Amino acid sequence: MTRMEPPDYSGIFLEPENIKYQEIDPPLRNLIRLISSESWVKTYGCCAGHAHHGEESGAEHQFFMGFFVNHEYGGADRLLSWVEEANRLNGPTGLRAEVESVDKHPFGQGSVDGWYAYRITAYEIRGRMSLLPAQTYLRMIKCLETAWQKFGSVS
């Protein structure tokens, strides 16, 4: 299989060796490394949310990961399968991850030369009176890592 080359677009399609991992929220660094090792997906942003920022619940501190995926190798289906498995592994913790298509990501439009933008967000299931503890978010991140090993890798 040949390596898919993402388009040159505002410097957001970085090779793994050019990603500034020290600037990524620590709970997500390993997961972003795993994801970045694949040629069909590129991250454009992430925030560990409550797992790293604690009680700060403003929009800028919500758990999310932004991706561009190449549909040629079933990128969207892989994302959905990955997140479904992570939710299954996470069980009834009160936290659920969801995939959504992004019409306009922070750097421009929602697609660039066959690469499409998606966002994964972790939502607390409604009906709770207080924020879930940081450990719940850390568990979700670990479940995303474990599920990635099953569904994320093309090889």
Protein backbone atom coordinates (compact mmCIF):
# COMPACT_ATOMS: atom_id res chain seq x y z
CA MET A 1 0.00 0.00 0.00
CA THR A 2 1.37 3.43 -0.87
CA ARG A 3 1.47 6.20 1.67
CA MET A 4 -1.25 8.80 1.10
CA GLU A 5 0.15 12.30 0.98
CA PRO A 6 -2.08 14.91 2.58
CA PRO A 7 -2.31 18.27 0.83
CA ASP A 8 -0.11 21.15 1.97
CA TYR A 9 -2.66 23.27 3.82
CA SER A 10 -1.76 25.89 6.41
CA GLY A 11 0.79 23.61 8.08
CA ILE A 12 -1.93 21.52 9.73
CA PHE A 13 -0.94 18.24 8.07
CA LEU A 14 2.17 17.66 10.13
CA GLU A 15 4.32 14.57 9.98
CA PRO A 16 4.61 12.79 13.35
CA GLU A 17 8.17 14.02 13.87
CA ASN A 18 7.02 17.64 13.43
CA ILE A 19 4.17 17.54 15.96
CA LYS A 20 4.95 19.50 19.12
CA TYR A 21 3.88 16.82 21.58
CA GLN A 22 5.03 18.93 24.54
CA GLU A 23 2.19 21.34 23.67
CA ILE A 24 -0.46 18.61 23.74
CA ASP A 25 -2.34 17.99 27.00
CA PRO A 26 -0.37 15.17 28.70
CA PRO A 27 -3.27 12.68 28.94
CA LEU A 28 -3.65 12.75 25.13
CA ARG A 29 0.00 12.61 24.05
CA ASN A 30 0.25 8.83 23.68
CA LEU A 31 -3.07 8.60 21.85
CA ILE A 32 -2.07 11.38 19.43
CA ARG A 33 1.25 9.54 18.82
CA LEU A 34 -0.66 6.35 17.99
CA ILE A 35 -3.03 8.15 15.66
CA SER A 36 -0.25 10.12 13.98
CA SER A 37 1.57 6.92 13.04
CA GLU A 38 -1.14 6.18 10.46
CA SER A 39 -1.18 7.71 6.98
CA TRP A 40 -4.99 7.90 6.57
CA VAL A 41 -5.62 10.31 9.47
CA LYS A 42 -4.12 13.59 10.70
CA THR A 43 -5.02 15.47 13.85
CA TYR A 44 -5.66 19.21 13.78
CA GLY A 45 -6.35 19.85 17.45
CA CYS A 46 -7.24 18.31 20.78
CA CYS A 47 -8.03 19.08 24.41
CA ALA A 48 -8.13 16.54 27.26
CA GLY A 49 -10.93 18.46 28.95
CA HIS A 50 -11.66 17.60 32.56
CA ALA A 51 -8.89 14.96 32.55
CA HIS A 52 -6.31 17.74 32.41
CA HIS A 53 -8.05 21.06 33.08
CA GLY A 54 -10.02 19.96 36.14
CA GLU A 55 -12.96 22.13 37.11
CA GLU A 56 -12.59 24.54 34.20
CA SER A 57 -15.62 23.71 32.11
CA GLY A 58 -15.56 26.52 29.54
CA ALA A 59 -15.87 25.66 25.85
CA GLU A 60 -12.11 25.99 25.37
CA HIS A 61 -11.55 23.21 27.93
CA GLN A 62 -14.01 20.61 26.62
CA PHE A 63 -12.68 17.16 25.67
CA PHE A 64 -12.27 16.92 21.91
CA MET A 65 -9.98 15.66 19.16
CA GLY A 66 -10.10 17.03 15.62
CA PHE A 67 -9.11 14.91 12.62
CA PHE A 68 -8.76 14.99 8.90
CA VAL A 69 -9.35 11.55 7.40
CA ASN A 70 -8.83 10.27 3.90
CA HIS A 71 -11.98 8.46 2.78
CA GLU A 72 -10.06 6.30 0.29
CA TYR A 73 -9.33 3.73 3.01
CA GLY A 74 -12.66 4.00 4.81
CA GLY A 75 -11.50 6.72 7.21
CA ALA A 76 -14.96 7.78 8.38
CA ASP A 77 -16.04 4.18 9.02
CA ARG A 78 -12.80 3.53 10.93
CA LEU A 79 -13.43 6.56 13.14
CA LEU A 80 -16.98 5.42 13.90
CA SER A 81 -15.90 1.84 14.66
CA TRP A 82 -13.05 3.08 16.84
CA VAL A 83 -15.29 5.34 18.93
CA GLU A 84 -18.04 2.71 19.23
CA GLU A 85 -15.47 0.23 20.59
CA ALA A 86 -14.08 2.84 23.01
CA ASN A 87 -17.60 3.52 24.31
CA ARG A 88 -18.19 -0.22 24.73
CA LEU A 89 -14.92 -0.58 26.65
CA ASN A 90 -15.70 2.47 28.76
CA GLY A 91 -18.99 0.97 29.94
CA PRO A 92 -21.61 2.83 32.00
CA THR A 93 -19.35 5.59 33.37
CA GLY A 94 -21.65 8.49 32.43
CA LEU A 95 -19.31 9.59 29.63
CA ARG A 96 -19.77 8.90 25.93
CA ALA A 97 -17.60 9.83 22.93
CA GLU A 98 -19.27 10.83 19.66
CA VAL A 99 -18.00 11.46 16.13
CA GLU A 100 -19.36 14.36 14.10
CA SER A 101 -18.53 15.74 10.70
CA VAL A 102 -17.13 19.27 10.83
CA ASP A 103 -18.26 21.70 8.14
CA LYS A 104 -15.63 24.23 9.13
CA HIS A 105 -12.66 23.32 11.30
CA PRO A 106 -10.54 25.96 13.07
CA PHE A 107 -8.21 26.37 10.08
CA GLY A 108 -10.69 26.70 7.21
CA GLN A 109 -13.27 24.58 5.44
CA GLY A 110 -14.43 21.08 6.27
CA SER A 111 -12.58 19.25 3.50
CA VAL A 112 -9.28 19.71 1.71
CA ASP A 113 -8.36 17.72 -1.40
CA GLY A 114 -10.19 14.55 -0.35
CA TRP A 115 -9.41 14.86 3.36
CA TYR A 116 -12.52 15.45 5.50
CA ALA A 117 -12.71 17.05 8.93
CA TYR A 118 -14.24 15.25 11.92
CA ARG A 119 -14.38 15.92 15.61
CA ILE A 120 -14.66 13.47 18.47
CA THR A 121 -16.15 14.92 21.62
CA ALA A 122 -16.79 13.28 24.98
CA TYR A 123 -20.18 14.15 26.44
CA GLU A 124 -21.36 13.62 29.97
CA ILE A 125 -24.69 11.82 29.88
CA ARG A 126 -27.44 14.22 30.92
CA GLY A 127 -29.12 14.01 34.30
CA ARG A 128 -26.00 14.26 36.44
CA MET A 129 -25.88 17.03 39.03
CA SER A 130 -22.08 17.55 39.01
CA LEU A 131 -19.10 17.13 36.73
CA LEU A 132 -17.69 13.64 36.45
CA PRO A 133 -14.29 13.24 38.09
CA ALA A 134 -11.13 13.58 36.03
CA GLN A 135 -10.54 9.82 36.39
CA THR A 136 -13.63 9.18 34.24
CA TYR A 137 -12.09 11.20 31.41
CA LEU A 138 -8.73 9.49 31.87
CA ARG A 139 -10.52 6.14 31.59
CA MET A 140 -12.18 7.28 28.33
CA ILE A 141 -8.78 8.28 26.91
CA LYS A 142 -7.36 4.86 27.84
CA CYS A 143 -10.35 3.18 26.20
CA LEU A 144 -9.75 5.25 23.06
CA GLU A 145 -6.10 4.09 23.07
CA THR A 146 -7.09 0.43 23.49
CA ALA A 147 -9.78 0.64 20.81
CA TRP A 148 -7.35 2.40 18.43
CA GLN A 149 -5.13 -0.66 18.51
CA LYS A 150 -8.07 -2.72 17.28
CA PHE A 151 -9.72 -0.39 14.72
CA GLY A 152 -7.38 2.48 13.96
CA SER A 153 -4.43 0.74 12.41
CA VAL A 154 -4.61 0.11 8.66
CA SER A 155 -2.01 -2.65 8.77
